[in-house]
Amino acid sequence: RERERERERERERERERERERERERERERERERERIVFCKVECVFLVVVIVVVI
């Protein structure tokens, strides 16, 4: 019985770690998206400035 409980706890911890990794990946993807959006905005801004200067 004791071993059974121990295994159950171990599985629970494993699932918890897996969820944590998943959240970490999600945050990484979010940052990546923000970077891409920022880059596009910066690009458009540069193009506008160049057009206005010319």
Protein backbone atom coordinates (compact mmCIF):
# COMPACT_ATOMS: atom_id res chain seq x y z
CA ARG A 1 0.00 0.00 0.00
CA GLU A 2 2.70 2.45 1.02
CA ARG A 3 4.59 1.87 -2.22
CA GLU A 4 1.41 2.39 -4.19
CA ARG A 5 0.90 5.81 -2.58
CA GLU A 6 4.52 6.68 -3.17
CA ARG A 7 4.19 5.85 -6.87
CA GLU A 8 1.00 7.91 -7.07
CA ARG A 9 2.78 10.93 -5.55
CA GLU A 10 5.66 10.47 -7.95
CA ARG A 11 3.28 10.47 -10.92
CA GLU A 12 1.57 13.56 -9.56
CA ARG A 13 4.91 15.38 -9.29
CA GLU A 14 5.78 14.30 -12.82
CA ARG A 15 2.50 15.71 -14.15
CA GLU A 16 3.13 18.95 -12.26
CA ARG A 17 6.57 19.30 -13.84
CA GLU A 18 5.09 18.61 -17.25
CA ARG A 19 2.48 21.35 -16.77
CA GLU A 20 5.22 23.73 -15.64
CA ARG A 21 7.23 23.03 -18.79
CA GLU A 22 4.13 23.56 -20.91
CA ARG A 23 3.50 26.96 -19.30
CA GLU A 24 7.15 27.89 -19.85
CA ARG A 25 6.87 27.03 -23.56
CA GLU A 26 3.66 29.07 -23.79
CA ARG A 27 5.41 32.12 -22.30
CA GLU A 28 8.28 31.67 -24.76
CA ARG A 29 5.87 31.61 -27.71
CA GLU A 30 4.14 34.72 -26.33
CA ARG A 31 7.44 36.61 -26.14
CA GLU A 32 8.29 35.51 -29.66
CA ARG A 33 4.97 36.87 -30.95
CA GLU A 34 5.52 40.19 -29.19
CA ARG A 35 8.98 40.47 -30.71
CA ILE A 36 7.60 39.82 -34.22
CA VAL A 37 4.83 42.40 -33.79
CA PHE A 38 7.30 44.97 -32.46
CA CYS A 39 9.57 44.30 -35.43
CA LYS A 40 6.75 44.84 -37.92
CA VAL A 41 5.72 48.09 -36.24
CA GLU A 42 9.31 49.30 -36.28
CA CYS A 43 9.61 48.38 -39.96
CA VAL A 44 6.47 50.31 -40.90
CA PHE A 45 7.68 53.30 -38.87
CA LEU A 46 11.02 53.28 -40.70
CA VAL A 47 9.33 53.07 -44.09
CA VAL A 48 7.06 56.03 -43.21
CA VAL A 49 10.03 58.10 -42.01
CA ILE A 50 11.98 57.32 -45.19
CA VAL A 51 8.99 58.21 -47.39
CA VAL A 52 8.42 61.49 -45.51
CA VAL A 53 12.11 62.43 -45.74
CA ILE A 54 12.11 61.75 -49.50
